[in-house]
PDB file of N, CA and C in Angstrom:
ATOM      1  N   MET A   1       0.844  -1.187   0.000  1.00  0.00           N
ATOM      2  CA  MET A   1       0.000   0.000   0.000  1.00  0.00           C
ATOM      3  C   MET A   1       0.886   1.245   0.000  1.00  0.00           C
ATOM      4  N   GLU A   2       0.575   2.202  -0.839  1.00  0.00           N
ATOM      5  CA  GLU A   2       1.365   3.423  -0.964  1.00  0.00           C
ATOM      6  C   GLU A   2       1.068   4.361   0.197  1.00  0.00           C
ATOM      7  N   GLU A   3       2.146   4.908   0.782  1.00  0.00           N
ATOM      8  CA  GLU A   3       1.992   5.820   1.915  1.00  0.00           C
ATOM      9  C   GLU A   3       1.632   7.210   1.414  1.00  0.00           C
ATOM     10  N   GLU A   4       0.652   7.832   2.052  1.00  0.00           N
ATOM     11  CA  GLU A   4       0.213   9.179   1.666  1.00  0.00           C
ATOM     12  C   GLU A   4       1.213  10.208   2.172  1.00  0.00           C
ATOM     13  N   ASN A   5       1.576  11.164   1.331  1.00  0.00           N
ATOM     14  CA  ASN A   5       2.484  12.232   1.727  1.00  0.00           C
ATOM     15  C   ASN A   5       1.657  13.383   2.281  1.00  0.00           C
ATOM     16  N   LEU A   6       1.735  13.586   3.589  1.00  0.00           N
ATOM     17  CA  LEU A   6       0.933  14.617   4.254  1.00  0.00           C
ATOM     18  C   LEU A   6       1.467  16.019   4.018  1.00  0.00           C
ATOM     19  N   TYR A   7       2.670  16.135   3.474  1.00  0.00           N
ATOM     20  CA  TYR A   7       3.316  17.423   3.369  1.00  0.00           C
ATOM     21  C   TYR A   7       3.185  18.049   1.991  1.00  0.00           C
ATOM     22  N   GLU A   8       2.588  17.343   1.043  1.00  0.00           N
ATOM     23  CA  GLU A   8       2.378  17.920  -0.277  1.00  0.00           C
ATOM     24  C   GLU A   8       1.058  18.680  -0.273  1.00  0.00           C
ATOM     25  N   GLY A   9       0.944  19.623  -1.159  1.00  0.00           N
ATOM     26  CA  GLY A   9      -0.287  20.407  -1.241  1.00  0.00           C
ATOM     27  C   GLY A   9      -0.238  21.580  -0.298  1.00  0.00           C
ATOM     28  N   THR A  10      -1.381  22.087   0.037  1.00  0.00           N
ATOM     29  CA  THR A  10      -1.455  23.258   0.908  1.00  0.00           C
ATOM     30  C   THR A  10      -2.181  22.904   2.188  1.00  0.00           C
ATOM     31  N   HIS A  11      -2.071  23.786   3.161  1.00  0.00           N
ATOM     32  CA  HIS A  11      -2.796  23.573   4.416  1.00  0.00           C
ATOM     33  C   HIS A  11      -4.292  23.560   4.158  1.00  0.00           C
ATOM     34  N   GLN A  12      -4.732  24.254   3.123  1.00  0.00           N
ATOM     35  CA  GLN A  12      -6.163  24.271   2.823  1.00  0.00           C
ATOM     36  C   GLN A  12      -6.628  22.880   2.401  1.00  0.00           C
ATOM     37  N   ASP A  13      -5.787  22.150   1.640  1.00  0.00           N
ATOM     38  CA  ASP A  13      -6.137  20.790   1.255  1.00  0.00           C
ATOM     39  C   ASP A  13      -6.310  19.919   2.494  1.00  0.00           C
ATOM     40  N   MET A  14      -5.351  20.036   3.431  1.00  0.00           N
ATOM     41  CA  MET A  14      -5.404  19.222   4.639  1.00  0.00           C
ATOM     42  C   MET A  14      -6.529  19.663   5.557  1.00  0.00           C
ATOM     43  N   SER A  15      -6.796  20.941   5.634  1.00  0.00           N
ATOM     44  CA  SER A  15      -7.842  21.437   6.529  1.00  0.00           C
ATOM     45  C   SER A  15      -9.229  21.031   6.061  1.00  0.00           C
ATOM     46  N   SER A  16      -9.388  20.807   4.775  1.00  0.00           N
ATOM     47  CA  SER A  16     -10.718  20.462   4.266  1.00  0.00           C
ATOM     48  C   SER A  16     -11.185  19.109   4.789  1.00  0.00           C
ATOM     49  N   ALA A  17     -10.242  18.261   5.226  1.00  0.00           N
ATOM     50  CA  ALA A  17     -10.614  16.965   5.774  1.00  0.00           C
ATOM     51  C   ALA A  17     -11.107  17.088   7.212  1.00  0.00           C
ATOM     52  N   PHE A  18     -10.877  18.224   7.829  1.00  0.00           N
ATOM     53  CA  PHE A  18     -11.262  18.452   9.219  1.00  0.00           C
ATOM     54  C   PHE A  18     -12.636  19.094   9.256  1.00  0.00           C
ATOM     55  N   GLN A  19     -13.542  18.509  10.022  1.00  0.00           N
ATOM     56  CA  GLN A  19     -14.887  19.068  10.147  1.00  0.00           C
ATOM     57  C   GLN A  19     -15.202  19.267  11.623  1.00  0.00           C
ATOM     58  N   LEU A  20     -15.782  20.392  11.925  1.00  0.00           N
ATOM     59  CA  LEU A  20     -16.146  20.702  13.295  1.00  0.00           C
ATOM     60  C   LEU A  20     -17.584  21.181  13.322  1.00  0.00           C
ATOM     61  N   ASP A  21     -18.380  20.571  14.158  1.00  0.00           N
ATOM     62  CA  ASP A  21     -19.772  20.972  14.299  1.00  0.00           C
ATOM     63  C   ASP A  21     -19.940  21.832  15.544  1.00  0.00           C
ATOM     64  N   ALA A  22     -19.317  22.989  15.536  1.00  0.00           N
ATOM     65  CA  ALA A  22     -19.428  23.904  16.674  1.00  0.00           C
ATOM     66  C   ALA A  22     -20.584  24.862  16.427  1.00  0.00           C
ATOM     67  N   VAL A  23     -21.405  25.041  17.427  1.00  0.00           N
ATOM     68  CA  VAL A  23     -22.516  25.976  17.330  1.00  0.00           C
ATOM     69  C   VAL A  23     -21.994  27.409  17.351  1.00  0.00           C
ATOM     70  N   ASP A  24     -21.010  27.651  18.196  1.00  0.00           N
ATOM     71  CA  ASP A  24     -20.436  28.981  18.355  1.00  0.00           C
ATOM     72  C   ASP A  24     -19.468  29.264  17.214  1.00  0.00           C
ATOM     73  N   PRO A  25     -19.737  30.282  16.401  1.00  0.00           N
ATOM     74  CA  PRO A  25     -18.853  30.574  15.272  1.00  0.00           C
ATOM     75  C   PRO A  25     -17.447  30.986  15.695  1.00  0.00           C
ATOM     76  N   VAL A  26     -17.307  31.575  16.872  1.00  0.00           N
ATOM     77  CA  VAL A  26     -15.986  31.953  17.361  1.00  0.00           C
ATOM     78  C   VAL A  26     -15.186  30.694  17.717  1.00  0.00           C
ATOM     79  N   ALA A  27     -15.833  29.723  18.348  1.00  0.00           N
ATOM     80  CA  ALA A  27     -15.166  28.454  18.668  1.00  0.00           C
ATOM     81  C   ALA A  27     -14.762  27.733  17.383  1.00  0.00           C
ATOM     82  N   ARG A  28     -15.626  27.757  16.384  1.00  0.00           N
ATOM     83  CA  ARG A  28     -15.312  27.131  15.102  1.00  0.00           C
ATOM     84  C   ARG A  28     -14.110  27.818  14.455  1.00  0.00           C
ATOM     85  N   GLN A  29     -14.090  29.137  14.491  1.00  0.00           N
ATOM     86  CA  GLN A  29     -12.974  29.890  13.921  1.00  0.00           C
ATOM     87  C   GLN A  29     -11.672  29.566  14.656  1.00  0.00           C
ATOM     88  N   ALA A  30     -11.732  29.463  15.984  1.00  0.00           N
ATOM     89  CA  ALA A  30     -10.541  29.137  16.769  1.00  0.00           C
ATOM     90  C   ALA A  30     -10.029  27.737  16.417  1.00  0.00           C
ATOM     91  N   ALA A  31     -10.931  26.782  16.319  1.00  0.00           N
ATOM     92  CA  ALA A  31     -10.540  25.410  15.980  1.00  0.00           C
ATOM     93  C   ALA A  31      -9.944  25.340  14.577  1.00  0.00           C
ATOM     94  N   GLU A  32     -10.541  26.047  13.636  1.00  0.00           N
ATOM     95  CA  GLU A  32     -10.018  26.060  12.267  1.00  0.00           C
ATOM     96  C   GLU A  32      -8.628  26.697  12.224  1.00  0.00           C
ATOM     97  N   LEU A  33      -8.422  27.742  13.022  1.00  0.00           N
ATOM     98  CA  LEU A  33      -7.117  28.394  13.076  1.00  0.00           C
ATOM     99  C   LEU A  33      -6.059  27.451  13.653  1.00  0.00           C
ATOM    100  N   ILE A  34      -6.423  26.697  14.695  1.00  0.00           N
ATOM    101  CA  ILE A  34      -5.496  25.731  15.281  1.00  0.00           C
ATOM    102  C   ILE A  34      -5.089  24.685  14.254  1.00  0.00           C
ATOM    103  N   VAL A  35      -6.053  24.148  13.517  1.00  0.00           N
ATOM    104  CA  VAL A  35      -5.752  23.142  12.497  1.00  0.00           C
ATOM    105  C   VAL A  35      -4.892  23.738  11.398  1.00  0.00           C
ATOM    106  N   LYS A  36      -5.216  24.950  10.962  1.00  0.00           N
ATOM    107  CA  LYS A  36      -4.447  25.615   9.911  1.00  0.00           C
ATOM    108  C   LYS A  36      -2.992  25.800  10.340  1.00  0.00           C
ATOM    109  N   ARG A  37      -2.779  26.314  11.542  1.00  0.00           N
ATOM    110  CA  ARG A  37      -1.413  26.543  12.045  1.00  0.00           C
ATOM    111  C   ARG A  37      -0.659  25.222  12.199  1.00  0.00           C
ATOM    112  N   SER A  38      -1.332  24.202  12.684  1.00  0.00           N
ATOM    113  CA  SER A  38      -0.708  22.896  12.842  1.00  0.00           C
ATOM    114  C   SER A  38      -0.285  22.341  11.485  1.00  0.00           C
ATOM    115  N   ASN A  39      -1.153  22.474  10.499  1.00  0.00           N
ATOM    116  CA  ASN A  39      -0.836  21.985   9.151  1.00  0.00           C
ATOM    117  C   ASN A  39       0.314  22.770   8.531  1.00  0.00           C
ATOM    118  N   GLU A  40       0.347  24.069   8.746  1.00  0.00           N
ATOM    119  CA  GLU A  40       1.454  24.877   8.235  1.00  0.00           C
ATOM    120  C   GLU A  40       2.775  24.433   8.873  1.00  0.00           C
ATOM    121  N   GLY A  41       2.740  24.133  10.170  1.00  0.00           N
ATOM    122  CA  GLY A  41       3.935  23.639  10.852  1.00  0.00           C
ATOM    123  C   GLY A  41       4.362  22.277  10.317  1.00  0.00           C
ATOM    124  N   ALA A  42       3.394  21.410  10.042  1.00  0.00           N
ATOM    125  CA  ALA A  42       3.706  20.086   9.490  1.00  0.00           C
ATOM    126  C   ALA A  42       4.399  20.218   8.142  1.00  0.00           C
ATOM    127  N   ILE A  43       3.935  21.161   7.338  1.00  0.00           N
ATOM    128  CA  ILE A  43       4.554  21.390   6.031  1.00  0.00           C
ATOM    129  C   ILE A  43       5.942  21.988   6.208  1.00  0.00           C
ATOM    130  N   GLU A  44       6.058  23.015   7.052  1.00  0.00           N
ATOM    131  CA  GLU A  44       7.338  23.699   7.227  1.00  0.00           C
ATOM    132  C   GLU A  44       8.406  22.774   7.807  1.00  0.00           C
ATOM    133  N   TYR A  45       8.026  21.986   8.820  1.00  0.00           N
ATOM    134  CA  TYR A  45       9.004  21.147   9.511  1.00  0.00           C
ATOM    135  C   TYR A  45       9.008  19.699   9.026  1.00  0.00           C
ATOM    136  N   LYS A  46       8.139  19.380   8.066  1.00  0.00           N
ATOM    137  CA  LYS A  46       8.036  18.034   7.500  1.00  0.00           C
ATOM    138  C   LYS A  46       7.875  16.959   8.579  1.00  0.00           C
ATOM    139  N   SER A  47       7.029  17.268   9.546  1.00  0.00           N
ATOM    140  CA  SER A  47       6.689  16.300  10.588  1.00  0.00           C
ATOM    141  C   SER A  47       5.249  16.546  11.000  1.00  0.00           C
ATOM    142  N   GLU A  48       4.539  15.464  11.210  1.00  0.00           N
ATOM    143  CA  GLU A  48       3.113  15.573  11.504  1.00  0.00           C
ATOM    144  C   GLU A  48       2.835  16.184  12.874  1.00  0.00           C
ATOM    145  N   SER A  49       3.731  15.956  13.823  1.00  0.00           N
ATOM    146  CA  SER A  49       3.514  16.413  15.187  1.00  0.00           C
ATOM    147  C   SER A  49       4.727  17.190  15.686  1.00  0.00           C
ATOM    148  N   ILE A  50       4.473  18.182  16.498  1.00  0.00           N
ATOM    149  CA  ILE A  50       5.570  18.939  17.100  1.00  0.00           C
ATOM    150  C   ILE A  50       6.479  18.028  17.918  1.00  0.00           C
ATOM    151  N   LEU A  51       5.912  16.944  18.451  1.00  0.00           N
ATOM    152  CA  LEU A  51       6.704  16.012  19.259  1.00  0.00           C
ATOM    153  C   LEU A  51       7.672  15.192  18.420  1.00  0.00           C
ATOM    154  N   GLU A  52       7.444  15.132  17.108  1.00  0.00           N
ATOM    155  CA  GLU A  52       8.332  14.386  16.206  1.00  0.00           C
ATOM    156  C   GLU A  52       9.478  15.241  15.687  1.00  0.00           C
ATOM    157  N   ARG A  53       9.418  16.532  15.897  1.00  0.00           N
ATOM    158  CA  ARG A  53      10.446  17.417  15.356  1.00  0.00           C
ATOM    159  C   ARG A  53      11.772  17.223  16.078  1.00  0.00           C
ATOM    160  N   GLU A  54      12.814  17.261  15.295  1.00  0.00           N
ATOM    161  CA  GLU A  54      14.167  17.109  15.837  1.00  0.00           C
ATOM    162  C   GLU A  54      14.503  18.288  16.740  1.00  0.00           C
ATOM    163  N   GLY A  55      15.079  17.995  17.883  1.00  0.00           N
ATOM    164  CA  GLY A  55      15.542  19.047  18.776  1.00  0.00           C
ATOM    165  C   GLY A  55      14.488  19.625  19.700  1.00  0.00           C
ATOM    166  N   VAL A  56      13.267  19.131  19.635  1.00  0.00           N
ATOM    167  CA  VAL A  56      12.221  19.658  20.516  1.00  0.00           C
ATOM    168  C   VAL A  56      12.355  19.005  21.884  1.00  0.00           C
ATOM    169  N   THR A  57      12.560  19.849  22.873  1.00  0.00           N
ATOM    170  CA  THR A  57      12.673  19.388  24.254  1.00  0.00           C
ATOM    171  C   THR A  57      11.626  20.104  25.095  1.00  0.00           C
ATOM    172  N   ALA A  58      11.460  19.647  26.313  1.00  0.00           N
ATOM    173  CA  ALA A  58      10.531  20.328  27.219  1.00  0.00           C
ATOM    174  C   ALA A  58      10.975  21.772  27.409  1.00  0.00           C
ATOM    175  N   HIS A  59      12.273  21.980  27.522  1.00  0.00           N
ATOM    176  CA  HIS A  59      12.800  23.327  27.727  1.00  0.00           C
ATOM    177  C   HIS A  59      12.534  24.209  26.501  1.00  0.00           C
ATOM    178  N   SER A  60      12.752  23.685  25.295  1.00  0.00           N
ATOM    179  CA  SER A  60      12.529  24.495  24.091  1.00  0.00           C
ATOM    180  C   SER A  60      11.046  24.817  23.916  1.00  0.00           C
ATOM    181  N   LEU A  61      10.183  23.877  24.285  1.00  0.00           N
ATOM    182  CA  LEU A  61       8.736  24.147  24.215  1.00  0.00           C
ATOM    183  C   LEU A  61       8.360  25.260  25.189  1.00  0.00           C
ATOM    184  N   MET A  62       8.943  25.222  26.389  1.00  0.00           N
ATOM    185  CA  MET A  62       8.666  26.255  27.390  1.00  0.00           C
ATOM    186  C   MET A  62       9.168  27.611  26.908  1.00  0.00           C
ATOM    187  N   GLU A  63      10.372  27.647  26.354  1.00  0.00           N
ATOM    188  CA  GLU A  63      10.919  28.905  25.845  1.00  0.00           C
ATOM    189  C   GLU A  63      10.046  29.464  24.719  1.00  0.00           C
ATOM    190  N   ASP A  64       9.623  28.609  23.790  1.00  0.00           N
ATOM    191  CA  ASP A  64       8.748  29.053  22.694  1.00  0.00           C
ATOM    192  C   ASP A  64       7.433  29.605  23.239  1.00  0.00           C
ATOM    193  N   ALA A  65       6.853  28.926  24.232  1.00  0.00           N
ATOM    194  CA  ALA A  65       5.590  29.381  24.818  1.00  0.00           C
ATOM    195  C   ALA A  65       5.761  30.734  25.501  1.00  0.00           C
ATOM    196  N   ILE A  66       6.872  30.925  26.201  1.00  0.00           N
ATOM    197  CA  ILE A  66       7.134  32.207  26.865  1.00  0.00           C
ATOM    198  C   ILE A  66       7.255  33.316  25.821  1.00  0.00           C
ATOM    199  N   GLU A  67       8.015  33.064  24.757  1.00  0.00           N
ATOM    200  CA  GLU A  67       8.160  34.074  23.695  1.00  0.00           C
ATOM    201  C   GLU A  67       6.816  34.413  23.066  1.00  0.00           C
ATOM    202  N   GLU A  68       5.987  33.405  22.824  1.00  0.00           N
ATOM    203  CA  GLU A  68       4.656  33.650  22.248  1.00  0.00           C
ATOM    204  C   GLU A  68       3.783  34.448  23.209  1.00  0.00           C
ATOM    205  N   ALA A  69       3.875  34.143  24.509  1.00  0.00           N
ATOM    206  CA  ALA A  69       3.086  34.875  25.506  1.00  0.00           C
ATOM    207  C   ALA A  69       3.514  36.339  25.576  1.00  0.00           C
ATOM    208  N   VAL A  70       4.808  36.585  25.505  1.00  0.00           N
ATOM    209  CA  VAL A  70       5.303  37.960  25.514  1.00  0.00           C
ATOM    210  C   VAL A  70       4.794  38.703  24.275  1.00  0.00           C
ATOM    211  N   ASP A  71       4.860  38.053  23.116  1.00  0.00           N
ATOM    212  CA  ASP A  71       4.329  38.668  21.896  1.00  0.00           C
ATOM    213  C   ASP A  71       2.848  38.998  22.058  1.00  0.00           C
ATOM    214  N   GLN A  72       2.102  38.092  22.679  1.00  0.00           N
ATOM    215  CA  GLN A  72       0.670  38.321  22.883  1.00  0.00           C
ATOM    216  C   GLN A  72       0.434  39.553  23.747  1.00  0.00           C
ATOM    217  N   VAL A  73       1.213  39.720  24.806  1.00  0.00           N
ATOM    218  CA  VAL A  73       1.087  40.894  25.677  1.00  0.00           C
ATOM    219  C   VAL A  73       1.355  42.164  24.877  1.00  0.00           C
ATOM    220  N   ILE A  74       2.394  42.150  24.044  1.00  0.00           N
ATOM    221  CA  ILE A  74       2.720  43.323  23.233  1.00  0.00           C
ATOM    222  C   ILE A  74       1.568  43.662  22.294  1.00  0.00           C
ATOM    223  N   TYR A  75       1.023  42.650  21.614  1.00  0.00           N
ATOM    224  CA  TYR A  75      -0.094  42.892  20.695  1.00  0.00           C
ATOM    225  C   TYR A  75      -1.314  43.427  21.440  1.00  0.00           C
ATOM    226  N   LEU A  76      -1.607  42.869  22.613  1.00  0.00           N
ATOM    227  CA  LEU A  76      -2.768  43.330  23.371  1.00  0.00           C
ATOM    228  C   LEU A  76      -2.589  44.757  23.866  1.00  0.00           C
ATOM    229  N   LEU A  77      -1.381  45.099  24.310  1.00  0.00           N
ATOM    230  CA  LEU A  77      -1.134  46.474  24.747  1.00  0.00           C
ATOM    231  C   LEU A  77      -1.234  47.449  23.580  1.00  0.00           C
ATOM    232  N   ALA A  78      -0.739  47.052  22.408  1.00  0.00           N
ATOM    233  CA  ALA A  78      -0.859  47.912  21.225  1.00  0.00           C
ATOM    234  C   ALA A  78      -2.324  48.095  20.835  1.00  0.00           C
ATOM    235  N   LEU A  79      -3.090  47.015  20.887  1.00  0.00           N
ATOM    236  CA  LEU A  79      -4.518  47.102  20.574  1.00  0.00           C
ATOM    237  C   LEU A  79      -5.241  47.985  21.578  1.00  0.00           C
ATOM    238  N   LYS A  80      -4.913  47.835  22.847  1.00  0.00           N
ATOM    239  CA  LYS A  80      -5.530  48.668  23.883  1.00  0.00           C
ATOM    240  C   LYS A  80      -5.230  50.142  23.626  1.00  0.00           C
ATOM    241  N   ALA A  81      -3.988  50.438  23.256  1.00  0.00           N
ATOM    242  CA  ALA A  81      -3.613  51.825  22.968  1.00  0.00           C
ATOM    243  C   ALA A  81      -4.388  52.353  21.765  1.00  0.00           C
ATOM    244  N   LYS A  82      -4.526  51.525  20.722  1.00  0.00           N
ATOM    245  CA  LYS A  82      -5.270  51.954  19.528  1.00  0.00           C
ATOM    246  C   LYS A  82      -6.735  52.221  19.868  1.00  0.00           C
ATOM    247  N   LEU A  83      -7.315  51.370  20.695  1.00  0.00           N
ATOM    248  CA  LEU A  83      -8.720  51.528  21.061  1.00  0.00           C
ATOM    249  C   LEU A  83      -8.936  52.718  22.000  1.00  0.00           C
ATOM    250  N   SER A  84      -7.904  53.076  22.755  1.00  0.00           N
ATOM    251  CA  SER A  84      -8.008  54.184  23.708  1.00  0.00           C
ATOM    252  C   SER A  84      -7.744  55.535  23.068  1.00  0.00           C
ATOM    253  N   THR A  85      -7.126  55.540  21.896  1.00  0.00           N
ATOM    254  CA  THR A  85      -6.765  56.785  21.225  1.00  0.00           C
ATOM    255  C   THR A  85      -7.874  57.145  20.231  1.00  0.00           C
ATOM    256  N   PRO A  86      -8.416  58.334  20.347  1.00  0.00           N
ATOM    257  CA  PRO A  86      -9.490  58.739  19.432  1.00  0.00           C
ATOM    258  C   PRO A  86      -9.009  58.852  17.985  1.00  0.00           C
ATOM    259  N   ARG A  87      -9.350  57.921  17.173  1.00  0.00           N
ATOM    260  CA  ARG A  87      -9.150  57.868  15.725  1.00  0.00           C
ATOM    261  C   ARG A  87      -7.839  58.437  15.174  1.00  0.00           C
ATOM    262  N   SER A  88      -6.858  58.650  16.015  1.00  0.00           N
ATOM    263  CA  SER A  88      -5.595  59.171  15.511  1.00  0.00           C
ATOM    264  C   SER A  88      -4.690  58.050  15.005  1.00  0.00           C
ATOM    265  N   MET A  89      -5.002  56.830  15.354  1.00  0.00           N
ATOM    266  CA  MET A  89      -4.138  55.716  14.952  1.00  0.00           C
ATOM    267  C   MET A  89      -4.786  54.894  13.880  1.00  0.00           C
TER     268      MET A  89
END
């Protein structure tokens, strides 16, 4: 039996196989975004799971999460500033 190559095509091809019956459109959007990002990572790193990637350790996962959290704080503070400033931004 021929093995399917999960890394060919686009994330849209892979995401179309994923179906979610969420009533809440925001939850559906969040789930679709998670699948999209996961598929993009699978293509970029040529591995289906982050746990299969070479060099991934508990420490590197923690460092990546901290960096992402810091970025999130920066984006939220920038958004707060934009929302607080009367149409000048």
